[in-house]
Amino acid sequence: MRRQLAFLAWTVPGVAVGVGLITPLTIGPVALVVAGVLVVALMVSGSYRDGSPAGLISGSSVVLFYVAWLNRQGPGTVCTTLHGGGEQCAEEWSPWPWLAVGVALVVAGWVVRRSLRRTSAREG
């Protein structure tokens, strides 16, 4: 159970890295600083020995899933009716590439964690 919690703890700075990379001109630099502070805190706590830092990879997928969700009605022009009357239209991207890369990052984080755990088990 402790290993799973450590992996989940490492996903938090992964989310911050994802936000930092997708929003470089707004809150991105702040998110990357927060990610750095969290990584240092996790390193000091000693939760890096069992492959848990692979949670960074899986955590960064959260932002991609969010973008896929925001574009769930795309691709193309999507119009919604406003409460006071009228219509609001927006151009949306296809959600599928965002979803695919997000799933790939989750799987990659899991695979890296498993391989790091096997390597550390053989050495120790």
Protein backbone atom coordinates (compact mmCIF):
# COMPACT_ATOMS: atom_id res chain seq x y z
CA MET A 1 0.00 0.00 0.00
CA ARG A 2 2.85 2.37 0.77
CA ARG A 3 4.26 1.91 -2.73
CA GLN A 4 0.95 2.83 -4.35
CA LEU A 5 0.65 5.93 -2.16
CA ALA A 6 4.20 6.95 -3.05
CA PHE A 7 3.41 6.52 -6.74
CA LEU A 8 0.26 8.66 -6.32
CA ALA A 9 2.27 11.28 -4.45
CA TRP A 10 4.64 11.51 -7.41
CA THR A 11 1.70 12.07 -9.78
CA VAL A 12 1.00 15.45 -8.14
CA PRO A 13 4.19 17.11 -9.43
CA GLY A 14 3.50 15.29 -12.71
CA VAL A 15 0.21 17.16 -12.99
CA ALA A 16 2.06 20.42 -12.29
CA VAL A 17 4.58 19.60 -15.02
CA GLY A 18 1.73 18.92 -17.45
CA VAL A 19 0.12 22.26 -16.60
CA GLY A 20 3.49 23.98 -16.95
CA LEU A 21 4.14 22.51 -20.38
CA ILE A 22 0.70 23.18 -21.81
CA THR A 23 0.45 26.78 -20.49
CA PRO A 24 3.96 28.22 -20.93
CA LEU A 25 2.84 31.83 -21.38
CA THR A 26 0.41 32.03 -18.45
CA ILE A 27 0.70 29.99 -15.24
CA GLY A 28 3.20 27.53 -16.69
CA PRO A 29 6.34 28.91 -15.03
CA VAL A 30 4.63 28.96 -11.63
CA ALA A 31 3.41 25.40 -12.11
CA LEU A 32 6.93 24.25 -12.99
CA VAL A 33 8.34 25.88 -9.86
CA VAL A 34 5.65 24.17 -7.78
CA ALA A 35 6.54 20.87 -9.46
CA GLY A 36 10.20 21.41 -8.62
CA VAL A 37 9.44 22.11 -4.96
CA LEU A 38 7.24 19.01 -4.76
CA VAL A 39 9.92 16.84 -6.37
CA VAL A 40 12.52 18.08 -3.89
CA ALA A 41 10.13 17.37 -1.00
CA LEU A 42 9.48 13.85 -2.27
CA MET A 43 13.20 13.21 -2.77
CA VAL A 44 13.94 14.35 0.78
CA SER A 45 11.19 12.08 2.10
CA GLY A 46 12.96 9.12 0.47
CA SER A 47 10.08 7.96 -1.72
CA TYR A 48 12.18 7.53 -4.83
CA ARG A 49 13.75 4.14 -4.27
CA ASP A 50 10.92 1.90 -5.47
CA GLY A 51 10.19 3.35 -8.91
CA SER A 52 7.63 5.82 -7.62
CA PRO A 53 9.06 8.79 -9.56
CA ALA A 54 7.49 7.19 -12.63
CA GLY A 55 4.33 8.77 -11.26
CA LEU A 56 5.60 11.99 -12.85
CA ILE A 57 4.95 10.45 -16.25
CA SER A 58 1.47 9.21 -15.39
CA GLY A 59 0.55 12.42 -13.57
CA SER A 60 1.28 14.57 -16.59
CA SER A 61 -1.54 12.77 -18.41
CA VAL A 62 -4.20 14.45 -16.27
CA VAL A 63 -3.89 17.68 -18.23
CA LEU A 64 -4.25 15.81 -21.51
CA PHE A 65 -7.39 14.08 -20.26
CA TYR A 66 -8.79 17.48 -19.27
CA VAL A 67 -8.12 18.92 -22.74
CA ALA A 68 -9.75 15.86 -24.30
CA TRP A 69 -12.79 16.39 -22.05
CA LEU A 70 -13.04 20.07 -23.01
CA ASN A 71 -13.03 19.09 -26.68
CA ARG A 72 -15.35 16.10 -26.30
CA GLN A 73 -17.85 17.44 -28.86
CA GLY A 74 -15.20 18.18 -31.47
CA PRO A 75 -13.75 18.32 -33.96
CA GLY A 76 -15.35 21.25 -35.64
CA THR A 77 -17.60 24.12 -34.72
CA VAL A 78 -19.76 23.41 -31.67
CA CYS A 79 -22.63 25.74 -30.81
CA THR A 80 -24.55 25.93 -27.54
CA THR A 81 -27.75 27.79 -26.74
CA LEU A 82 -27.46 30.47 -24.07
CA HIS A 83 -30.04 30.85 -21.28
CA GLY A 84 -31.00 34.40 -22.21
CA GLY A 85 -31.41 33.47 -25.85
CA GLY A 86 -28.84 33.42 -28.55
CA GLU A 87 -26.07 31.06 -29.39
CA GLN A 88 -22.37 30.73 -28.62
CA CYS A 89 -20.09 28.85 -31.00
CA ALA A 90 -16.53 27.64 -30.55
CA GLU A 91 -14.08 25.71 -32.66
CA GLU A 92 -13.05 22.47 -30.94
CA TRP A 93 -10.24 20.07 -31.69
CA SER A 94 -10.56 16.33 -31.92
CA PRO A 95 -10.35 14.85 -28.42
CA TRP A 96 -8.90 11.55 -29.63
CA PRO A 97 -5.21 12.54 -29.98
CA TRP A 98 -5.27 14.09 -26.50
CA LEU A 99 -6.91 11.00 -25.07
CA ALA A 100 -4.51 8.65 -26.85
CA VAL A 101 -1.39 10.46 -25.62
CA GLY A 102 -2.87 10.62 -22.10
CA VAL A 103 -3.48 6.88 -22.05
CA ALA A 104 0.01 6.28 -23.46
CA LEU A 105 1.53 8.35 -20.62
CA VAL A 106 -0.42 6.46 -17.96
CA VAL A 107 0.73 3.14 -19.40
CA ALA A 108 4.31 4.39 -19.81
CA GLY A 109 4.44 5.49 -16.17
CA TRP A 110 3.18 2.12 -15.04
CA VAL A 111 5.65 0.23 -17.26
CA VAL A 112 8.59 2.35 -16.10
CA ARG A 113 7.60 1.85 -12.46
CA ARG A 114 7.36 -1.91 -12.91
CA SER A 115 10.74 -2.11 -14.63
CA LEU A 116 12.41 0.07 -11.98
CA ARG A 117 10.95 -2.09 -9.21
CA ARG A 118 12.26 -5.25 -10.88
CA THR A 119 15.70 -3.69 -11.32
CA SER A 120 15.88 -2.58 -7.68
CA ALA A 121 14.66 -6.01 -6.51
CA ARG A 122 17.48 -7.73 -8.42
CA GLU A 123 20.11 -5.35 -7.04
CA GLY A 124 18.96 -5.44 -3.43
